[in-house]
Amino acid sequence: MTESLTLQARRIQGITGNYLYGGAVSYTDVEQWKEVQQLLMRSISEMLQAAPECPEEEAEVLLAVLMAGSVTMRYPDYMDEVLQRAEKVLPHLQDKVLKCHLMVFCYGECPDELLADDIYRLMDELKDEGKEEEIRVVAELMENLVESMSV
C-alpha cells in the first residue's frame, strides 16, 4: 500500500521542520546528510508530479515542497511552478492555519509587501479565533524572514 499524498507531504514537513524550527538531528556523517538531501529532492519531484485530490492536499504538497526546498541544495527550476500553483490554491483553502503556513513559505521565496499584509491580517484573524498556539511557530518564522530581508 502506498502512502497517501497528504501523509507523504506531512512526513517531509516533519523532516524539514526539524531543521527550520530547531531540534534538528546533527549530521556529522556526510553520507547520512547526502541521503537526507536525496530523500528530500526525490520527494519534491514525486509530490510535484502527483495529482492532489483537493485544495488542502495541494496546499500540503506545496508547503512540503517549499519547506524541503528551504533546507536542500537549491534547484530553482521548480519554484516558479510551486508559486503559481500556490497562488491558484490559496483562495480555495478552508484551513486558515494551513493557508497561513503556505503563505509564509511563499513569502520566503518571493517577498511581496501585499502578501506580507495578507499574512499579518490572517494571523490576527487566527489570534481572534483563539489559535495563538497554532500560529506561534509560523509567526516566528515570518518575523525571522522579515528581519533577514531587512539586513
C-alpha atoms as a PDB file:
ATOM      1  CA  MET A   1       0.000   0.000   0.000  1.00  0.00           C
ATOM      2  CA  THR A   2       1.388   3.392  -0.932  1.00  0.00           C
ATOM      3  CA  GLU A   3       1.485   6.331   1.396  1.00  0.00           C
ATOM      4  CA  SER A   4      -1.198   8.943   0.726  1.00  0.00           C
ATOM      5  CA  LEU A   5      -0.007  12.182  -0.789  1.00  0.00           C
ATOM      6  CA  THR A   6      -1.054  14.134   2.307  1.00  0.00           C
ATOM      7  CA  LEU A   7       0.848  11.758   4.609  1.00  0.00           C
ATOM      8  CA  GLN A   8       3.909  11.914   2.360  1.00  0.00           C
ATOM      9  CA  ALA A   9       3.752  15.726   2.408  1.00  0.00           C
ATOM     10  CA  ARG A  10       3.386  15.837   6.196  1.00  0.00           C
ATOM     11  CA  ARG A  11       6.293  13.412   6.629  1.00  0.00           C
ATOM     12  CA  ILE A  12       8.510  15.732   4.557  1.00  0.00           C
ATOM     13  CA  GLN A  13       7.214  18.733   6.507  1.00  0.00           C
ATOM     14  CA  GLY A  14       8.229  16.945   9.711  1.00  0.00           C
ATOM     15  CA  ILE A  15      11.722  16.185   8.475  1.00  0.00           C
ATOM     16  CA  THR A  16      12.311  19.737   7.278  1.00  0.00           C
ATOM     17  CA  GLY A  17      10.538  21.272  10.269  1.00  0.00           C
ATOM     18  CA  ASN A  18      13.260  19.859  12.497  1.00  0.00           C
ATOM     19  CA  TYR A  19      15.792  21.965  10.608  1.00  0.00           C
ATOM     20  CA  LEU A  20      13.654  25.066  10.353  1.00  0.00           C
ATOM     21  CA  TYR A  21      12.228  25.166  13.868  1.00  0.00           C
ATOM     22  CA  GLY A  22      15.072  23.672  15.873  1.00  0.00           C
ATOM     23  CA  GLY A  23      15.614  20.285  17.367  1.00  0.00           C
ATOM     24  CA  ALA A  24      17.343  19.011  14.234  1.00  0.00           C
ATOM     25  CA  VAL A  25      19.479  15.947  14.393  1.00  0.00           C
ATOM     26  CA  SER A  26      23.069  16.941  13.855  1.00  0.00           C
ATOM     27  CA  TYR A  27      24.589  15.143  10.888  1.00  0.00           C
ATOM     28  CA  THR A  28      28.284  14.613  11.327  1.00  0.00           C
ATOM     29  CA  ASP A  29      28.349  11.892   8.691  1.00  0.00           C
ATOM     30  CA  VAL A  30      28.439  13.326   5.158  1.00  0.00           C
ATOM     31  CA  GLU A  31      26.857  10.185   3.700  1.00  0.00           C
ATOM     32  CA  GLN A  32      23.911  10.410   6.090  1.00  0.00           C
ATOM     33  CA  TRP A  33      23.384  14.076   5.183  1.00  0.00           C
ATOM     34  CA  LYS A  34      23.527  13.229   1.478  1.00  0.00           C
ATOM     35  CA  GLU A  35      20.882  10.533   1.998  1.00  0.00           C
ATOM     36  CA  VAL A  36      18.539  13.015   3.656  1.00  0.00           C
ATOM     37  CA  GLN A  37      19.137  15.524   0.840  1.00  0.00           C
ATOM     38  CA  GLN A  38      18.430  12.855  -1.779  1.00  0.00           C
ATOM     39  CA  LEU A  39      15.247  11.784   0.025  1.00  0.00           C
ATOM     40  CA  LEU A  40      14.009  15.370   0.093  1.00  0.00           C
ATOM     41  CA  MET A  41      14.830  16.020  -3.567  1.00  0.00           C
ATOM     42  CA  ARG A  42      13.195  12.736  -4.640  1.00  0.00           C
ATOM     43  CA  SER A  43      10.127  13.567  -2.561  1.00  0.00           C
ATOM     44  CA  ILE A  44       9.878  17.054  -4.077  1.00  0.00           C
ATOM     45  CA  SER A  45       9.924  15.569  -7.558  1.00  0.00           C
ATOM     46  CA  GLU A  46       7.363  12.864  -6.738  1.00  0.00           C
ATOM     47  CA  MET A  47       4.960  15.217  -4.999  1.00  0.00           C
ATOM     48  CA  LEU A  48       5.072  17.792  -7.788  1.00  0.00           C
ATOM     49  CA  GLN A  49       4.165  15.109 -10.324  1.00  0.00           C
ATOM     50  CA  ALA A  50       1.269  13.740  -8.250  1.00  0.00           C
ATOM     51  CA  ALA A  51      -2.336  14.831  -8.704  1.00  0.00           C
ATOM     52  CA  PRO A  52      -3.740  16.176  -5.424  1.00  0.00           C
ATOM     53  CA  GLU A  53      -7.405  15.381  -4.831  1.00  0.00           C
ATOM     54  CA  CYS A  54      -8.461  18.628  -3.136  1.00  0.00           C
ATOM     55  CA  PRO A  55      -7.165  22.137  -2.355  1.00  0.00           C
ATOM     56  CA  GLU A  56      -5.996  21.129   1.132  1.00  0.00           C
ATOM     57  CA  GLU A  57      -3.954  18.230  -0.257  1.00  0.00           C
ATOM     58  CA  GLU A  58      -2.456  20.528  -2.906  1.00  0.00           C
ATOM     59  CA  ALA A  59      -1.561  23.030  -0.155  1.00  0.00           C
ATOM     60  CA  GLU A  60       0.066  20.296   1.975  1.00  0.00           C
ATOM     61  CA  VAL A  61       2.158  19.230  -1.029  1.00  0.00           C
ATOM     62  CA  LEU A  62       3.203  22.769  -1.903  1.00  0.00           C
ATOM     63  CA  LEU A  63       4.059  23.531   1.714  1.00  0.00           C
ATOM     64  CA  ALA A  64       6.185  20.378   1.916  1.00  0.00           C
ATOM     65  CA  VAL A  65       7.974  21.292  -1.312  1.00  0.00           C
ATOM     66  CA  LEU A  66       8.649  24.845  -0.137  1.00  0.00           C
ATOM     67  CA  MET A  67       9.880  23.626   3.254  1.00  0.00           C
ATOM     68  CA  ALA A  68      12.098  20.957   1.683  1.00  0.00           C
ATOM     69  CA  GLY A  69      13.407  23.491  -0.810  1.00  0.00           C
ATOM     70  CA  SER A  70      14.484  25.727   2.043  1.00  0.00           C
ATOM     71  CA  VAL A  71      16.741  23.049   3.564  1.00  0.00           C
ATOM     72  CA  THR A  72      18.106  21.384   0.425  1.00  0.00           C
ATOM     73  CA  MET A  73      20.507  22.470  -2.231  1.00  0.00           C
ATOM     74  CA  ARG A  74      18.580  24.896  -4.393  1.00  0.00           C
ATOM     75  CA  TYR A  75      17.065  23.727  -7.649  1.00  0.00           C
ATOM     76  CA  PRO A  76      15.024  26.780  -8.611  1.00  0.00           C
ATOM     77  CA  ASP A  77      13.577  25.285 -11.794  1.00  0.00           C
ATOM     78  CA  TYR A  78      10.505  24.022  -9.937  1.00  0.00           C
ATOM     79  CA  MET A  79       9.975  27.076  -7.721  1.00  0.00           C
ATOM     80  CA  ASP A  80       8.039  29.128 -10.293  1.00  0.00           C
ATOM     81  CA  GLU A  81       5.639  26.225 -10.756  1.00  0.00           C
ATOM     82  CA  VAL A  82       5.173  25.878  -6.996  1.00  0.00           C
ATOM     83  CA  LEU A  83       4.467  29.583  -6.531  1.00  0.00           C
ATOM     84  CA  GLN A  84       1.983  29.600  -9.426  1.00  0.00           C
ATOM     85  CA  ARG A  85       0.189  26.575  -8.021  1.00  0.00           C
ATOM     86  CA  ALA A  86       0.105  28.162  -4.568  1.00  0.00           C
ATOM     87  CA  GLU A  87      -1.400  31.335  -5.994  1.00  0.00           C
ATOM     88  CA  LYS A  88      -4.193  29.245  -7.535  1.00  0.00           C
ATOM     89  CA  VAL A  89      -4.945  27.158  -4.451  1.00  0.00           C
ATOM     90  CA  LEU A  90      -4.744  29.799  -1.695  1.00  0.00           C
ATOM     91  CA  PRO A  91      -8.190  31.340  -2.372  1.00  0.00           C
ATOM     92  CA  HIS A  92      -9.803  27.895  -2.066  1.00  0.00           C
ATOM     93  CA  LEU A  93      -8.359  26.841   1.290  1.00  0.00           C
ATOM     94  CA  GLN A  94     -10.740  26.492   4.204  1.00  0.00           C
ATOM     95  CA  ASP A  95      -8.000  25.631   6.719  1.00  0.00           C
ATOM     96  CA  LYS A  96      -6.710  29.071   7.731  1.00  0.00           C
ATOM     97  CA  VAL A  97      -3.704  27.726   9.638  1.00  0.00           C
ATOM     98  CA  LEU A  98      -2.551  25.725   6.607  1.00  0.00           C
ATOM     99  CA  LYS A  99      -3.190  28.775   4.433  1.00  0.00           C
ATOM    100  CA  CYS A 100      -1.071  30.942   6.734  1.00  0.00           C
ATOM    101  CA  HIS A 101       1.812  28.441   6.707  1.00  0.00           C
ATOM    102  CA  LEU A 102       1.738  28.223   2.918  1.00  0.00           C
ATOM    103  CA  MET A 103       1.612  31.992   2.530  1.00  0.00           C
ATOM    104  CA  VAL A 104       4.640  32.471   4.800  1.00  0.00           C
ATOM    105  CA  PHE A 105       6.737  29.988   2.827  1.00  0.00           C
ATOM    106  CA  CYS A 106       5.635  31.641  -0.424  1.00  0.00           C
ATOM    107  CA  TYR A 107       6.720  34.965   1.057  1.00  0.00           C
ATOM    108  CA  GLY A 108      10.094  33.408   1.855  1.00  0.00           C
ATOM    109  CA  GLU A 109      10.556  32.622  -1.847  1.00  0.00           C
ATOM    110  CA  CYS A 110       9.040  35.785  -3.242  1.00  0.00           C
ATOM    111  CA  PRO A 111       8.859  38.663  -0.749  1.00  0.00           C
ATOM    112  CA  ASP A 112       5.921  40.875  -1.541  1.00  0.00           C
ATOM    113  CA  GLU A 113       4.511  43.562   0.733  1.00  0.00           C
ATOM    114  CA  LEU A 114       0.896  42.812  -0.224  1.00  0.00           C
ATOM    115  CA  LEU A 115       1.431  39.157   0.649  1.00  0.00           C
ATOM    116  CA  ALA A 116       3.023  40.171   3.952  1.00  0.00           C
ATOM    117  CA  ASP A 117      -0.009  42.362   4.720  1.00  0.00           C
ATOM    118  CA  ASP A 118      -2.319  39.407   3.971  1.00  0.00           C
ATOM    119  CA  ILE A 119      -0.254  37.140   6.222  1.00  0.00           C
ATOM    120  CA  TYR A 120      -0.410  39.574   9.148  1.00  0.00           C
ATOM    121  CA  ARG A 121      -4.144  40.062   8.613  1.00  0.00           C
ATOM    122  CA  LEU A 122      -4.683  36.283   8.629  1.00  0.00           C
ATOM    123  CA  MET A 123      -2.521  35.862  11.744  1.00  0.00           C
ATOM    124  CA  ASP A 124      -4.671  38.490  13.501  1.00  0.00           C
ATOM    125  CA  GLU A 125      -7.819  36.588  12.481  1.00  0.00           C
ATOM    126  CA  LEU A 126      -6.374  33.364  13.836  1.00  0.00           C
ATOM    127  CA  LYS A 127      -5.456  35.061  17.123  1.00  0.00           C
ATOM    128  CA  ASP A 128      -9.019  36.367  17.395  1.00  0.00           C
ATOM    129  CA  GLU A 129     -10.227  32.782  16.854  1.00  0.00           C
ATOM    130  CA  GLY A 130      -8.045  31.556  19.731  1.00  0.00           C
ATOM    131  CA  LYS A 131      -5.440  29.819  17.581  1.00  0.00           C
ATOM    132  CA  GLU A 132      -2.369  31.547  19.017  1.00  0.00           C
ATOM    133  CA  GLU A 133      -0.509  28.268  19.609  1.00  0.00           C
ATOM    134  CA  GLU A 134      -1.138  27.026  16.058  1.00  0.00           C
ATOM    135  CA  ILE A 135       0.422  30.133  14.531  1.00  0.00           C
ATOM    136  CA  ARG A 136       3.165  30.819  17.082  1.00  0.00           C
ATOM    137  CA  VAL A 137       5.794  28.958  15.044  1.00  0.00           C
ATOM    138  CA  VAL A 138       4.689  30.492  11.753  1.00  0.00           C
ATOM    139  CA  ALA A 139       4.677  33.973  13.308  1.00  0.00           C
ATOM    140  CA  GLU A 140       8.275  33.453  14.461  1.00  0.00           C
ATOM    141  CA  LEU A 141       9.253  32.256  11.001  1.00  0.00           C
ATOM    142  CA  MET A 142       7.648  35.314   9.409  1.00  0.00           C
ATOM    143  CA  GLU A 143       9.444  37.555  11.885  1.00  0.00           C
ATOM    144  CA  ASN A 144      12.772  35.907  11.033  1.00  0.00           C
ATOM    145  CA  LEU A 145      12.111  36.219   7.283  1.00  0.00           C
ATOM    146  CA  VAL A 146      11.279  39.912   7.545  1.00  0.00           C
ATOM    147  CA  GLU A 147      14.307  40.523   9.748  1.00  0.00           C
ATOM    148  CA  SER A 148      16.700  38.678   7.436  1.00  0.00           C
ATOM    149  CA  MET A 149      15.391  40.529   4.393  1.00  0.00           C
ATOM    150  CA  SER A 150      15.919  43.911   6.011  1.00  0.00           C
ATOM    151  CA  VAL A 151      19.598  43.246   6.737  1.00  0.00           C
END
